Amino acid sequence: MNANGNQRAPVMLAALPQSSMTPAHQEPAAENSFSAILKRLTEGIRKEDVKRREGWRDRNGQTHYVDYVEWHTVADLLDRIVPDWSHAVRGIVQIGDFVAATAAITICGVTREGVGTGPADSETGIKKAEHDALKRAAVKFGVARDLYRDEDGSNDSSRRTGNKASTAPPRDPIAKTLSDLISPKQLALINRLAKTLKLDPEVACQEMYQAKLNEISRRAASALIERLNATLQEQ
C-alpha cells in the first residue's frame, strides 16, 4: 500500500530478452572455446619435441627413419593446455605375440580413443602399448597429427596398428615402389589378427582390395589392419 492507504498497483518486471538466456546462444561460445583448444593442441608440438629413430630396412637395404613424440611430451602438453583432461585404458587384448591396448582421452566432455600395440612377453611391452594408445588418442584431438597424417606405415606406430583417425582405404592399393611395399611387421600383424579372427588374410585382402597381400602398399596395409582391429574390438 502507499502512504494514503491505497493498494499499490503491481510493478511488472521487464522480461529479459530470450536470446540472452537460451542455451542455444551459449553453444557457439562453447564451440569456439573447444575449437580454440584444438588449435592450441595442434600447434603445441615443437620441432625440438620430435624425436627420430631407425624404422625399417627396405628390400634394397636402405634404412628408413621415423619421427615420433614421446608419451610424456603429449601428457605434458595436455596438462599445460587442458589441465582437466582425463585418460583411461579401456581394454588390453593379446593378439599372438602382441598386446593391443585401447585408451580414451576426454577433453571438455569429448572422448576419443586410440589403439596401441607392444610385445606381449613383458610388462614393458604392455606399458608401451598403453603409451602408444594414449598418443594415438591424442592425435584425434590434433596433437602431433602431422606425424600420422601420411599413412604410409612409416610413422611411430602406424606400421603396427593403423590410424583409426584418418586411415582410409586408398583408391589404388598396389605398391608403386619397393620402399612403399607392405612391411614385414605389417604383414606379420595382419596374419596374427586374421588368425585370431579365424580369417584367411589373403581372402580378407582380396575382399577389401581385389589384390594379393604381398603386393599392397603400406598405406593399404594400415587400412586393412585398422579394419581387422575394428572387427576384433566388435567381437
Protein backbone atom coordinates (compact mmCIF):
# COMPACT_ATOMS: atom_id res chain seq x y z
CA MET A 1 0.00 0.00 0.00
CA ASN A 2 1.04 3.61 -0.48
CA ALA A 3 1.10 6.35 2.15
CA ASN A 4 -2.65 7.11 1.57
CA GLY A 5 -3.69 3.53 2.32
CA ASN A 6 -4.46 2.70 -1.29
CA GLN A 7 -3.24 -0.57 -2.74
CA ARG A 8 -0.23 -0.10 -4.97
CA ALA A 9 -0.51 -1.37 -8.50
CA PRO A 10 1.74 -4.33 -9.16
CA VAL A 11 5.00 -3.50 -10.82
CA MET A 12 5.72 -5.57 -13.93
CA LEU A 13 9.35 -6.54 -14.38
CA ALA A 14 10.53 -6.38 -17.95
CA ALA A 15 11.40 -9.83 -19.19
CA LEU A 16 14.98 -10.36 -20.19
CA PRO A 17 15.45 -10.93 -23.90
CA GLN A 18 15.03 -14.61 -24.59
CA SER A 19 18.14 -14.60 -26.77
CA SER A 20 20.33 -13.82 -23.75
CA MET A 21 19.04 -16.76 -21.72
CA THR A 22 18.70 -19.70 -24.05
CA PRO A 23 21.39 -22.37 -24.22
CA ALA A 24 21.28 -22.08 -27.99
CA HIS A 25 23.09 -18.74 -27.73
CA GLN A 26 25.66 -20.20 -25.36
CA GLU A 27 26.62 -23.14 -27.57
CA PRO A 28 28.60 -21.13 -30.15
CA ALA A 29 30.81 -19.76 -27.36
CA ALA A 30 31.44 -23.28 -26.09
CA GLU A 31 32.15 -24.49 -29.59
CA ASN A 32 34.55 -21.62 -30.18
CA SER A 33 36.31 -22.42 -26.92
CA PHE A 34 36.71 -26.08 -27.85
CA SER A 35 37.93 -25.13 -31.33
CA ALA A 36 40.50 -22.83 -29.73
CA ILE A 37 41.71 -25.71 -27.55
CA LEU A 38 42.04 -27.99 -30.58
CA LYS A 39 44.00 -25.30 -32.40
CA ARG A 40 46.41 -24.92 -29.48
CA LEU A 41 46.85 -28.69 -29.22
CA THR A 42 47.51 -28.97 -32.95
CA GLU A 43 50.19 -26.27 -32.75
CA GLY A 44 51.58 -27.38 -29.39
CA ILE A 45 54.27 -29.82 -30.53
CA ARG A 46 57.54 -28.04 -31.23
CA LYS A 47 60.30 -29.19 -33.53
CA GLU A 48 62.53 -29.97 -30.56
CA ASP A 49 59.81 -32.28 -29.19
CA VAL A 50 60.01 -34.56 -32.23
CA LYS A 51 62.42 -37.48 -31.95
CA ARG A 52 63.81 -39.68 -34.72
CA ARG A 53 64.79 -43.32 -34.69
CA GLU A 54 65.65 -46.06 -37.15
CA GLY A 55 62.49 -47.55 -38.60
CA TRP A 56 62.98 -50.38 -41.04
CA ARG A 57 65.07 -51.53 -43.99
CA ASP A 58 63.52 -51.98 -47.39
CA ARG A 59 64.40 -54.74 -49.84
CA ASN A 60 67.21 -52.62 -51.24
CA GLY A 61 68.82 -52.44 -47.81
CA GLN A 62 68.02 -48.77 -47.40
CA THR A 63 67.29 -47.67 -43.83
CA HIS A 64 64.19 -45.57 -43.26
CA TYR A 65 63.74 -43.38 -40.21
CA VAL A 66 60.56 -42.40 -38.41
CA ASP A 67 59.65 -39.27 -36.45
CA TYR A 68 57.73 -39.59 -33.20
CA VAL A 69 56.92 -37.88 -29.92
CA GLU A 70 57.25 -39.48 -26.52
CA TRP A 71 54.12 -40.13 -24.48
CA HIS A 72 55.18 -37.87 -21.61
CA THR A 73 55.61 -34.99 -24.07
CA VAL A 74 51.99 -35.47 -25.10
CA ALA A 75 50.86 -35.70 -21.46
CA ASP A 76 52.79 -32.54 -20.57
CA LEU A 77 51.14 -30.69 -23.47
CA LEU A 78 47.69 -31.78 -22.33
CA ASP A 79 48.48 -30.77 -18.73
CA ARG A 80 49.56 -27.34 -19.89
CA ILE A 81 46.68 -26.58 -22.26
CA VAL A 82 43.80 -28.62 -20.81
CA PRO A 83 44.57 -29.25 -17.10
CA ASP A 84 41.29 -31.09 -16.51
CA TRP A 85 41.78 -33.68 -19.26
CA SER A 86 41.29 -37.30 -18.25
CA HIS A 87 42.62 -40.60 -19.51
CA ALA A 88 41.52 -44.22 -19.15
CA VAL A 89 42.66 -47.57 -20.53
CA ARG A 90 39.53 -49.22 -21.92
CA GLY A 91 40.98 -52.65 -22.59
CA ILE A 92 44.03 -54.77 -23.35
CA VAL A 93 43.80 -57.73 -25.73
CA GLN A 94 46.56 -60.19 -26.60
CA ILE A 95 46.98 -60.96 -30.29
CA GLY A 96 49.62 -63.62 -30.78
CA ASP A 97 52.92 -62.16 -29.64
CA PHE A 98 51.45 -58.66 -29.33
CA VAL A 99 49.10 -56.89 -26.95
CA ALA A 100 46.70 -54.22 -28.22
CA ALA A 101 45.64 -51.55 -25.73
CA THR A 102 42.72 -49.18 -26.21
CA ALA A 103 42.97 -45.83 -24.41
CA ALA A 104 40.50 -42.97 -24.19
CA ILE A 105 41.13 -39.27 -23.60
CA THR A 106 38.35 -36.90 -22.55
CA ILE A 107 38.60 -33.14 -23.07
CA CYS A 108 35.70 -30.79 -22.37
CA GLY A 109 33.29 -33.71 -22.34
CA VAL A 110 34.51 -35.08 -25.70
CA THR A 111 36.04 -38.57 -25.62
CA ARG A 112 38.23 -40.04 -28.35
CA GLU A 113 40.06 -43.36 -28.40
CA GLY A 114 43.32 -44.72 -29.77
CA VAL A 115 44.86 -48.17 -30.11
CA GLY A 116 48.50 -49.07 -29.43
CA THR A 117 50.48 -52.30 -29.52
CA GLY A 118 53.52 -53.77 -27.83
CA PRO A 119 55.24 -57.13 -27.21
CA ALA A 120 53.16 -59.44 -25.03
CA ASP A 121 56.10 -61.12 -23.30
CA SER A 122 56.91 -58.35 -20.82
CA GLU A 123 55.37 -55.65 -18.65
CA THR A 124 57.37 -53.12 -20.64
CA GLY A 125 55.53 -54.21 -23.78
CA ILE A 126 52.16 -53.62 -22.13
CA LYS A 127 53.23 -50.17 -20.95
CA LYS A 128 54.44 -49.41 -24.45
CA ALA A 129 51.03 -50.38 -25.84
CA GLU A 130 49.29 -48.12 -23.32
CA HIS A 131 51.60 -45.20 -24.06
CA ASP A 132 51.16 -45.70 -27.79
CA ALA A 133 47.37 -45.80 -27.34
CA LEU A 134 47.47 -42.55 -25.36
CA LYS A 135 49.41 -40.84 -28.13
CA ARG A 136 47.04 -42.10 -30.81
CA ALA A 137 44.02 -40.93 -28.81
CA ALA A 138 45.69 -37.51 -28.50
CA VAL A 139 46.17 -37.46 -32.28
CA LYS A 140 42.35 -37.41 -32.54
CA PHE A 141 42.49 -34.01 -30.82
CA GLY A 142 45.20 -32.77 -33.18
CA VAL A 143 48.32 -33.50 -31.09
CA ALA A 144 51.25 -34.33 -33.41
CA ARG A 145 48.78 -35.16 -36.17
CA ASP A 146 51.29 -34.24 -38.88
CA LEU A 147 53.42 -37.22 -37.82
CA TYR A 148 50.49 -39.54 -38.50
CA ARG A 149 48.96 -37.77 -41.48
CA ASP A 150 50.93 -39.74 -44.08
CA GLU A 151 49.58 -43.24 -43.67
CA ASP A 152 52.42 -44.98 -45.47
CA GLY A 153 53.28 -47.11 -42.47
CA SER A 154 56.42 -45.15 -41.63
CA ASN A 155 55.13 -43.29 -38.60
CA ASP A 156 55.52 -44.09 -34.93
CA SER A 157 53.10 -47.00 -34.66
CA SER A 158 51.03 -46.90 -37.84
CA ARG A 159 53.04 -49.81 -39.21
CA ARG A 160 51.68 -51.91 -36.37
CA THR A 161 48.11 -50.75 -35.79
CA GLY A 162 46.97 -48.34 -38.47
CA ASN A 163 45.48 -44.93 -37.70
CA LYS A 164 41.83 -45.01 -36.71
CA ALA A 165 41.56 -41.29 -37.04
CA SER A 166 42.22 -40.91 -40.73
CA THR A 167 43.23 -44.20 -42.36
CA ALA A 168 41.05 -44.69 -45.41
CA PRO A 169 41.49 -47.44 -47.99
CA PRO A 170 43.46 -45.94 -50.89
CA ARG A 171 41.88 -45.95 -54.31
CA ASP A 172 44.92 -47.73 -55.70
CA PRO A 173 46.21 -50.23 -53.11
CA ILE A 174 49.08 -51.59 -55.20
CA ALA A 175 52.59 -50.52 -54.14
CA LYS A 176 54.39 -48.49 -56.80
CA THR A 177 57.91 -48.95 -55.42
CA LEU A 178 59.72 -51.49 -53.26
CA SER A 179 60.02 -48.96 -50.43
CA ASP A 180 56.24 -48.50 -50.49
CA LEU A 181 55.53 -52.23 -50.30
CA ILE A 182 53.81 -53.66 -47.22
CA SER A 183 56.38 -54.04 -44.44
CA PRO A 184 57.26 -57.37 -42.77
CA LYS A 185 55.84 -56.11 -39.46
CA GLN A 186 52.58 -55.12 -41.11
CA LEU A 187 52.37 -58.50 -42.80
CA ALA A 188 53.03 -60.32 -39.52
CA LEU A 189 50.39 -58.28 -37.68
CA ILE A 190 47.79 -58.86 -40.41
CA ASN A 191 48.44 -62.59 -40.24
CA ARG A 192 48.09 -62.59 -36.44
CA LEU A 193 44.89 -60.54 -36.49
CA ALA A 194 43.39 -62.73 -39.20
CA LYS A 195 44.33 -65.87 -37.27
CA THR A 196 42.66 -64.52 -34.13
CA LEU A 197 39.55 -63.70 -36.15
CA LYS A 198 39.73 -67.13 -37.86
CA LEU A 199 40.05 -65.49 -41.25
CA ASP A 200 42.28 -66.15 -44.22
CA PRO A 201 44.42 -62.99 -44.55
CA GLU A 202 44.61 -63.40 -48.33
CA VAL A 203 40.83 -63.63 -48.56
CA ALA A 204 40.45 -60.55 -46.33
CA CYS A 205 42.83 -58.62 -48.59
CA GLN A 206 41.07 -59.79 -51.75
CA GLU A 207 37.69 -58.76 -50.35
CA MET A 208 38.98 -55.30 -49.48
CA TYR A 209 41.24 -54.57 -52.44
CA GLN A 210 40.92 -57.34 -55.04
CA ALA A 211 44.69 -57.64 -54.72
CA LYS A 212 47.24 -60.02 -53.24
CA LEU A 213 48.52 -59.31 -49.75
CA ASN A 214 52.17 -59.26 -50.78
CA GLU A 215 51.63 -56.57 -53.41
CA ILE A 216 49.73 -53.88 -51.49
CA SER A 217 51.24 -50.63 -50.22
CA ARG A 218 51.99 -49.70 -46.65
CA ARG A 219 49.05 -47.31 -46.60
CA ALA A 220 46.73 -50.06 -47.87
CA ALA A 221 48.12 -52.41 -45.22
CA SER A 222 47.46 -49.79 -42.50
CA ALA A 223 43.82 -49.54 -43.58
CA LEU A 224 43.48 -53.33 -43.61
CA ILE A 225 44.98 -53.55 -40.11
CA GLU A 226 42.52 -50.90 -38.96
CA ARG A 227 39.60 -52.89 -40.34
CA LEU A 228 40.77 -56.11 -38.70
CA ASN A 229 41.32 -54.31 -35.39
CA ALA A 230 37.82 -52.82 -35.56
CA THR A 231 36.35 -56.27 -36.26
CA LEU A 232 38.27 -57.70 -33.31
CA GLN A 233 37.00 -54.98 -30.96
CA GLU A 234 33.41 -55.57 -32.11
CA GLN A 235 33.73 -59.21 -31.14
